[in-house]
Amino acid sequence: MLYRLRGSLIHTEPSFAVIECAGVGYKCYTTMNTQRSLPAIGKEAVLYTHMNVREDAVDLFGFSSLAELNCFKLLTSVSGVGPKVGLAILSVLSPEQVAVAVAAGDFKTLTMAQGVGNKLAQRVILELKDKLKALGGGEEVTAAAGVVNAAGNAAEAMNALTVLGYTPSDVAPVVAKFDSSLPVEELIRLTLKAMAGRM
């Protein structure tokens, strides 16, 4: 319903920020990574939003980037991962780090987040990897795109970006512009930045 908010930042606390738009203050629950990217009080801020409707509450979540928003949606699609856990994960890991962990099957990295034990972390990895396979998965995704070499960091970066919900046809031409010898996480970061610049 609400896609993005742009307005004056009027208040922050460790778990949320308030953006005033046309006289209305919107309370958005945020990650610590988003908190660190916010401007000073009184300055203009932009947050990409997700509304969560429950029987007893309607909560608004705000993120500094579309990548973080997309990653939050994917995380909370996993059984047992609610908004609180999704925020906790994205408070200690960037979307790029989450994508790399999923692509590598590294559940230990996810346990850095408060409230995420081994079992839940393993479930996140398993379910998100299944989503990747459903989209074509692994080197087959890269080969289908026909742009990025299926060997090396570029392929891993593309697979990880697919985990975040991007299609191979969207990311392949962008990943191909960068040096495939760069670390996977750096390739993901550069690709996300380039794609954000096109929007």
Protein backbone atom coordinates (compact mmCIF):
# COMPACT_ATOMS: atom_id res chain seq x y z
CA MET A 1 0.00 0.00 0.00
CA LEU A 2 2.70 2.50 1.01
CA TYR A 3 5.77 2.06 -1.20
CA ARG A 4 8.04 4.91 -0.15
CA LEU A 5 8.10 7.83 2.26
CA ARG A 6 9.98 11.07 1.66
CA GLY A 7 9.80 13.77 4.25
CA SER A 8 11.41 15.35 7.27
CA LEU A 9 13.00 13.09 9.86
CA ILE A 10 11.45 14.30 13.13
CA HIS A 11 12.36 11.57 15.65
CA THR A 12 14.47 8.44 16.03
CA GLU A 13 14.86 5.72 18.62
CA PRO A 14 16.95 2.53 18.39
CA SER A 15 14.06 0.56 16.89
CA PHE A 16 12.21 3.12 14.79
CA ALA A 17 12.22 6.45 12.97
CA VAL A 18 9.42 8.96 12.37
CA ILE A 19 9.14 10.64 8.97
CA GLU A 20 6.75 13.57 8.62
CA CYS A 21 5.05 13.79 5.23
CA ALA A 22 2.47 16.52 4.58
CA GLY A 23 1.91 17.02 8.30
CA VAL A 24 1.55 13.31 9.12
CA GLY A 25 4.24 11.53 11.12
CA TYR A 26 4.81 7.92 10.02
CA LYS A 27 6.45 5.63 12.58
CA CYS A 28 8.63 3.12 10.75
CA TYR A 29 10.37 0.24 12.47
CA THR A 30 13.90 0.08 11.08
CA THR A 31 17.12 -1.92 11.12
CA MET A 32 20.27 -0.59 12.74
CA ASN A 33 21.82 -0.40 9.26
CA THR A 34 19.01 1.92 8.14
CA GLN A 35 19.33 3.94 11.34
CA ARG A 36 23.01 4.56 10.60
CA SER A 37 22.16 5.86 7.12
CA LEU A 38 19.54 8.38 8.30
CA PRO A 39 20.30 12.11 8.15
CA ALA A 40 20.17 14.50 11.10
CA ILE A 41 16.82 15.37 12.69
CA GLY A 42 15.02 17.95 10.57
CA LYS A 43 16.66 16.84 7.32
CA GLU A 44 14.88 15.10 4.44
CA ALA A 45 14.86 11.31 4.61
CA VAL A 46 13.64 8.59 2.25
CA LEU A 47 12.50 5.15 3.38
CA TYR A 48 11.15 2.25 1.33
CA THR A 49 8.29 0.75 3.28
CA HIS A 50 6.49 -2.48 4.01
CA MET A 51 3.19 -2.62 5.89
CA ASN A 52 2.45 -5.61 8.09
CA VAL A 53 -1.23 -6.07 9.01
CA ARG A 54 -2.19 -8.30 11.93
CA GLU A 55 -5.40 -8.74 13.90
CA ASP A 56 -4.19 -6.52 16.72
CA ALA A 57 -1.82 -4.12 14.95
CA VAL A 58 -0.76 -2.45 11.72
CA ASP A 59 3.01 -1.90 11.62
CA LEU A 60 5.08 0.01 9.09
CA PHE A 61 8.68 -0.97 8.39
CA GLY A 62 11.13 1.39 6.70
CA PHE A 63 14.37 0.65 4.88
CA SER A 64 17.09 2.83 3.40
CA SER A 65 17.31 0.79 0.18
CA LEU A 66 15.19 -1.41 -2.04
CA ALA A 67 17.72 -4.20 -1.55
CA GLU A 68 17.14 -4.14 2.20
CA LEU A 69 13.36 -4.04 1.72
CA ASN A 70 13.45 -6.98 -0.71
CA CYS A 71 15.70 -8.94 1.63
CA PHE A 72 13.35 -8.27 4.56
CA LYS A 73 10.37 -9.54 2.55
CA LEU A 74 12.27 -12.70 1.60
CA LEU A 75 13.43 -13.35 5.15
CA THR A 76 9.95 -12.92 6.59
CA SER A 77 8.56 -15.32 3.99
CA VAL A 78 10.46 -18.09 5.79
CA SER A 79 8.46 -20.12 8.30
CA GLY A 80 9.30 -18.94 11.81
CA VAL A 81 10.86 -15.63 10.74
CA GLY A 82 8.67 -12.73 11.82
CA PRO A 83 9.33 -9.01 11.32
CA LYS A 84 11.29 -8.77 14.58
CA VAL A 85 13.73 -11.50 13.50
CA GLY A 86 13.94 -10.05 9.97
CA LEU A 87 14.95 -6.68 11.43
CA ALA A 88 17.45 -8.37 13.77
CA ILE A 89 19.16 -10.14 10.87
CA LEU A 90 19.33 -6.99 8.76
CA SER A 91 20.64 -5.02 11.72
CA VAL A 92 23.85 -7.08 11.79
CA LEU A 93 24.09 -8.11 8.12
CA SER A 94 23.68 -6.19 4.89
CA PRO A 95 21.46 -7.61 2.13
CA GLU A 96 24.67 -8.51 0.29
CA GLN A 97 25.94 -10.51 3.28
CA VAL A 98 22.60 -12.30 3.65
CA ALA A 99 22.62 -13.21 -0.05
CA VAL A 100 26.20 -14.50 0.11
CA ALA A 101 25.40 -16.56 3.24
CA VAL A 102 22.38 -18.14 1.55
CA ALA A 103 24.24 -18.85 -1.69
CA ALA A 104 27.13 -20.41 0.28
CA GLY A 105 24.87 -22.33 2.71
CA ASP A 106 26.56 -20.49 5.60
CA PHE A 107 23.92 -20.64 8.36
CA LYS A 108 26.46 -19.72 11.07
CA THR A 109 26.61 -16.15 9.75
CA LEU A 110 22.86 -15.72 10.35
CA THR A 111 23.23 -16.76 13.99
CA MET A 112 25.03 -13.46 14.61
CA ALA A 113 21.56 -11.90 14.79
CA GLN A 114 19.76 -11.75 18.11
CA GLY A 115 17.09 -14.45 18.41
CA VAL A 116 18.44 -16.58 15.57
CA GLY A 117 19.65 -20.01 16.65
CA ASN A 118 21.17 -22.78 14.57
CA LYS A 119 17.85 -24.42 13.69
CA LEU A 120 16.19 -21.22 12.51
CA ALA A 121 19.30 -20.17 10.58
CA GLN A 122 19.40 -23.55 8.84
CA ARG A 123 15.71 -23.21 7.94
CA VAL A 124 16.32 -19.76 6.44
CA ILE A 125 19.17 -21.10 4.32
CA LEU A 126 17.18 -24.15 3.21
CA GLU A 127 13.98 -22.28 2.30
CA LEU A 128 15.73 -19.43 0.49
CA LYS A 129 17.95 -21.87 -1.40
CA ASP A 130 14.77 -23.68 -2.47
CA LYS A 131 13.45 -20.37 -3.80
CA LEU A 132 16.68 -20.01 -5.76
CA LYS A 133 16.30 -23.51 -7.22
CA ALA A 134 12.70 -22.73 -8.16
CA LEU A 135 14.01 -19.80 -10.18
CA GLY A 136 16.51 -22.00 -12.00
CA GLY A 137 19.27 -22.13 -9.39
CA GLY A 138 23.02 -22.43 -9.39
CA GLU A 139 25.08 -22.30 -12.55
CA GLU A 140 22.00 -22.99 -14.68
CA VAL A 141 20.66 -19.53 -13.80
CA THR A 142 23.89 -17.94 -14.98
CA ALA A 143 24.07 -20.01 -18.14
CA ALA A 144 20.47 -19.13 -18.99
CA ALA A 145 21.31 -15.46 -18.74
CA GLY A 146 24.03 -15.97 -21.34
CA VAL A 147 26.09 -13.02 -20.17
CA VAL A 148 28.11 -13.92 -17.09
CA ASN A 149 30.72 -16.67 -17.07
CA ALA A 150 29.33 -19.57 -15.01
CA ALA A 151 32.72 -20.04 -13.33
CA GLY A 152 33.95 -17.67 -10.65
CA ASN A 153 32.70 -14.93 -8.41
CA ALA A 154 30.38 -13.40 -11.01
CA ALA A 155 28.27 -16.56 -11.05
CA GLU A 156 28.11 -16.67 -7.26
CA ALA A 157 27.12 -13.00 -7.16
CA MET A 158 24.35 -13.60 -9.68
CA ASN A 159 23.03 -16.56 -7.75
CA ALA A 160 23.04 -14.52 -4.55
CA LEU A 161 21.20 -11.65 -6.24
CA THR A 162 18.62 -14.15 -7.46
CA VAL A 163 18.12 -15.13 -3.81
CA LEU A 164 17.25 -11.48 -3.16
CA GLY A 165 14.47 -11.71 -5.72
CA TYR A 166 16.09 -10.25 -8.84
CA THR A 167 15.71 -12.08 -12.14
CA PRO A 168 18.78 -13.34 -14.02
CA SER A 169 17.91 -11.18 -17.02
CA ASP A 170 17.90 -8.07 -14.80
CA VAL A 171 21.20 -8.64 -13.04
CA ALA A 172 23.34 -10.47 -15.62
CA PRO A 173 24.14 -7.44 -17.82
CA VAL A 174 24.97 -5.35 -14.74
CA VAL A 175 27.19 -7.99 -13.09
CA ALA A 176 29.01 -8.43 -16.41
CA LYS A 177 30.18 -4.80 -16.30
CA PHE A 178 32.39 -5.45 -13.26
CA ASP A 179 35.64 -7.33 -12.78
CA SER A 180 34.69 -10.95 -12.03
CA SER A 181 37.79 -11.32 -9.85
CA LEU A 182 36.30 -8.94 -7.26
CA PRO A 183 34.99 -10.56 -4.04
CA VAL A 184 31.41 -11.84 -4.33
CA GLU A 185 30.07 -9.40 -1.74
CA GLU A 186 31.67 -6.45 -3.56
CA LEU A 187 30.18 -7.55 -6.88
CA ILE A 188 26.74 -7.74 -5.25
CA ARG A 189 27.17 -4.31 -3.64
CA LEU A 190 28.26 -2.69 -6.91
CA THR A 191 25.43 -4.34 -8.85
CA LEU A 192 22.78 -3.24 -6.35
CA LYS A 193 24.18 0.30 -6.40
CA ALA A 194 24.17 0.39 -10.20
CA MET A 195 20.63 -0.95 -10.37
CA ALA A 196 19.41 1.58 -7.80
CA GLY A 197 20.90 4.35 -9.94
CA ARG A 198 18.77 3.27 -12.90
CA MET A 199 15.50 3.61 -10.99
